[in-house]
Amino acid sequence: MTPKPSAPGSARRHRGWRAAGALALAAVLGLAFWGYRSPEMQIHWENLAALCGF
């Protein structure tokens, strides 16, 4: 079986969706990390160490 050659416009469309997805992922991750800057959302390393058994 040989793969069908895709149209040039199809490759451009896939590249656009991939870029939009990467941009959306970066925005979501950026907002999530920005949320950790607030005092009530900061990680308390003592609690994390206690959860890990240290």
C-alpha atoms as a PDB file:
ATOM      1  CA  MET A   1       0.000   0.000   0.000  1.00  0.00           C
ATOM      2  CA  THR A   2       1.334   3.351  -0.954  1.00  0.00           C
ATOM      3  CA  PRO A   3       0.188   6.463   0.893  1.00  0.00           C
ATOM      4  CA  LYS A   4      -1.804   8.963  -1.116  1.00  0.00           C
ATOM      5  CA  PRO A   5       0.072  12.186  -1.799  1.00  0.00           C
ATOM      6  CA  SER A   6      -1.490  15.013   0.133  1.00  0.00           C
ATOM      7  CA  ALA A   7      -2.342  18.348  -1.403  1.00  0.00           C
ATOM      8  CA  PRO A   8      -0.051  21.292  -0.612  1.00  0.00           C
ATOM      9  CA  GLY A   9      -2.920  23.146   1.040  1.00  0.00           C
ATOM     10  CA  SER A  10      -3.518  20.206   3.362  1.00  0.00           C
ATOM     11  CA  ALA A  11       0.046  20.342   4.698  1.00  0.00           C
ATOM     12  CA  ARG A  12      -0.294  24.070   5.298  1.00  0.00           C
ATOM     13  CA  ARG A  13      -3.589  23.510   7.126  1.00  0.00           C
ATOM     14  CA  HIS A  14      -2.051  20.835   9.374  1.00  0.00           C
ATOM     15  CA  ARG A  15       0.873  23.120  10.149  1.00  0.00           C
ATOM     16  CA  GLY A  16      -1.544  25.898  11.091  1.00  0.00           C
ATOM     17  CA  TRP A  17      -3.516  23.652  13.454  1.00  0.00           C
ATOM     18  CA  ARG A  18      -0.288  22.393  15.006  1.00  0.00           C
ATOM     19  CA  ALA A  19       0.904  25.967  15.570  1.00  0.00           C
ATOM     20  CA  ALA A  20      -2.469  26.945  17.045  1.00  0.00           C
ATOM     21  CA  GLY A  21      -2.371  23.918  19.356  1.00  0.00           C
ATOM     22  CA  ALA A  22       1.158  24.712  20.500  1.00  0.00           C
ATOM     23  CA  LEU A  23       0.171  28.317  21.165  1.00  0.00           C
ATOM     24  CA  ALA A  24      -2.903  27.228  23.143  1.00  0.00           C
ATOM     25  CA  LEU A  25      -0.811  24.770  25.180  1.00  0.00           C
ATOM     26  CA  ALA A  26       1.782  27.449  25.924  1.00  0.00           C
ATOM     27  CA  ALA A  27      -0.962  29.864  27.026  1.00  0.00           C
ATOM     28  CA  VAL A  28      -2.583  27.307  29.344  1.00  0.00           C
ATOM     29  CA  LEU A  29       0.743  26.283  30.877  1.00  0.00           C
ATOM     30  CA  GLY A  30       1.754  29.922  31.266  1.00  0.00           C
ATOM     31  CA  LEU A  31      -1.478  30.741  33.081  1.00  0.00           C
ATOM     32  CA  ALA A  32      -1.062  27.682  35.309  1.00  0.00           C
ATOM     33  CA  PHE A  33       2.474  28.652  36.308  1.00  0.00           C
ATOM     34  CA  TRP A  34       1.409  32.272  36.793  1.00  0.00           C
ATOM     35  CA  GLY A  35      -1.273  31.031  39.197  1.00  0.00           C
ATOM     36  CA  TYR A  36       1.424  29.577  41.442  1.00  0.00           C
ATOM     37  CA  ARG A  37       2.704  33.089  42.083  1.00  0.00           C
ATOM     38  CA  SER A  38      -0.262  33.861  44.323  1.00  0.00           C
ATOM     39  CA  PRO A  39       0.442  33.149  48.026  1.00  0.00           C
ATOM     40  CA  GLU A  40      -2.405  30.657  48.495  1.00  0.00           C
ATOM     41  CA  MET A  41      -1.286  28.563  45.509  1.00  0.00           C
ATOM     42  CA  GLN A  42       2.436  28.362  46.271  1.00  0.00           C
ATOM     43  CA  ILE A  43       3.967  24.957  46.818  1.00  0.00           C
ATOM     44  CA  HIS A  44       4.995  24.260  50.387  1.00  0.00           C
ATOM     45  CA  TRP A  45       8.027  22.017  50.097  1.00  0.00           C
ATOM     46  CA  GLU A  46       7.590  20.661  53.638  1.00  0.00           C
ATOM     47  CA  ASN A  47       4.154  19.275  52.733  1.00  0.00           C
ATOM     48  CA  LEU A  48       5.482  17.808  49.496  1.00  0.00           C
ATOM     49  CA  ALA A  49       8.346  16.137  51.352  1.00  0.00           C
ATOM     50  CA  ALA A  50       5.872  14.750  53.911  1.00  0.00           C
ATOM     51  CA  LEU A  51       3.765  13.264  51.102  1.00  0.00           C
ATOM     52  CA  CYS A  52       6.866  11.564  49.703  1.00  0.00           C
ATOM     53  CA  GLY A  53       7.753  10.092  53.118  1.00  0.00           C
ATOM     54  CA  PHE A  54      10.737  12.285  53.976  1.00  0.00           C
END
